[in-house]
């Protein structure tokens, strides 16, 4: 049986490029945070409404983060 071509594994260039891309995106995101361009989004509940906060969180109805103010 003659082999007309040899299959050789390709180097993991795509994985290396993807990792560099992720590092660049991470650095860019951290730079935005450091410059104050990112504002956290959260929903504040009074301590008297903690039962409602837990119920909304359990039902998946809280947008972003839920914070209970004491």
Protein backbone atom coordinates (compact mmCIF):
# COMPACT_ATOMS: atom_id res chain seq x y z
CA UNK A 1 0.00 0.00 0.00
CA UNK A 2 1.60 3.25 -1.11
CA UNK A 3 1.07 6.46 0.81
CA UNK A 4 0.89 9.47 -1.44
CA UNK A 5 0.93 12.01 1.37
CA UNK A 6 1.92 12.13 4.99
CA UNK A 7 -0.39 13.55 7.61
CA UNK A 8 1.51 15.60 10.12
CA UNK A 9 -0.08 17.26 13.11
CA UNK A 10 -0.41 21.00 12.83
CA UNK A 11 1.09 23.10 15.57
CA UNK A 12 -1.46 24.60 17.95
CA UNK A 13 -1.24 28.07 16.42
CA UNK A 14 -4.94 28.75 16.71
CA UNK A 15 -4.87 28.02 20.45
CA UNK A 16 -1.84 30.26 20.94
CA UNK A 17 -3.47 33.10 18.97
CA UNK A 18 -6.71 32.69 20.90
CA UNK A 19 -4.83 32.87 24.22
CA UNK A 20 -3.04 36.06 23.17
CA UNK A 21 -6.38 37.49 22.05
CA UNK A 22 -7.96 36.66 25.42
CA UNK A 23 -5.03 38.27 27.25
CA UNK A 24 -5.43 41.38 25.14
CA UNK A 25 -9.16 41.52 25.82
CA UNK A 26 -8.55 41.03 29.55
CA UNK A 27 -5.99 43.83 29.60
CA UNK A 28 -8.37 46.11 27.71
CA UNK A 29 -11.21 45.33 30.14
CA UNK A 30 -9.00 46.04 33.15
CA UNK A 31 -7.90 49.30 31.57
CA UNK A 32 -11.52 50.36 31.13
CA UNK A 33 -12.22 49.59 34.79
CA UNK A 34 -9.12 51.49 35.92
CA UNK A 35 -10.21 54.55 33.91
CA UNK A 36 -13.66 54.48 35.53
CA UNK A 37 -15.44 53.69 32.27
CA UNK A 38 -17.23 50.68 33.76
CA UNK A 39 -20.12 51.17 36.15
CA UNK A 40 -21.42 48.23 38.16
CA UNK A 41 -25.13 47.49 37.79
CA UNK A 42 -27.03 46.24 40.79
CA UNK A 43 -30.45 46.20 42.42
CA UNK A 44 -30.58 47.37 46.05
CA UNK A 45 -33.03 45.93 48.55
CA UNK A 46 -33.69 47.30 52.03
CA UNK A 47 -33.08 44.88 54.89
CA UNK A 48 -36.84 44.82 55.47
CA UNK A 49 -37.29 43.45 51.92
CA UNK A 50 -34.80 40.61 52.23
CA UNK A 51 -37.51 37.99 51.71
CA UNK A 52 -38.49 39.66 48.43
CA UNK A 53 -34.83 39.87 47.39
CA UNK A 54 -34.32 36.16 48.03
CA UNK A 55 -37.55 35.28 46.21
CA UNK A 56 -36.54 37.36 43.16
CA UNK A 57 -33.05 35.84 43.14
CA UNK A 58 -34.46 32.31 43.41
CA UNK A 59 -36.86 33.00 40.54
CA UNK A 60 -34.04 34.40 38.39
CA UNK A 61 -35.69 37.82 38.25
CA UNK A 62 -32.81 39.87 39.65
CA UNK A 63 -31.04 41.89 36.99
CA UNK A 64 -27.28 41.97 37.40
CA UNK A 65 -26.48 41.82 41.17
CA UNK A 66 -28.74 41.93 44.21
CA UNK A 67 -27.50 43.95 47.21
CA UNK A 68 -29.19 44.10 50.61
CA UNK A 69 -28.63 47.43 52.34
CA UNK A 70 -28.27 47.32 56.13
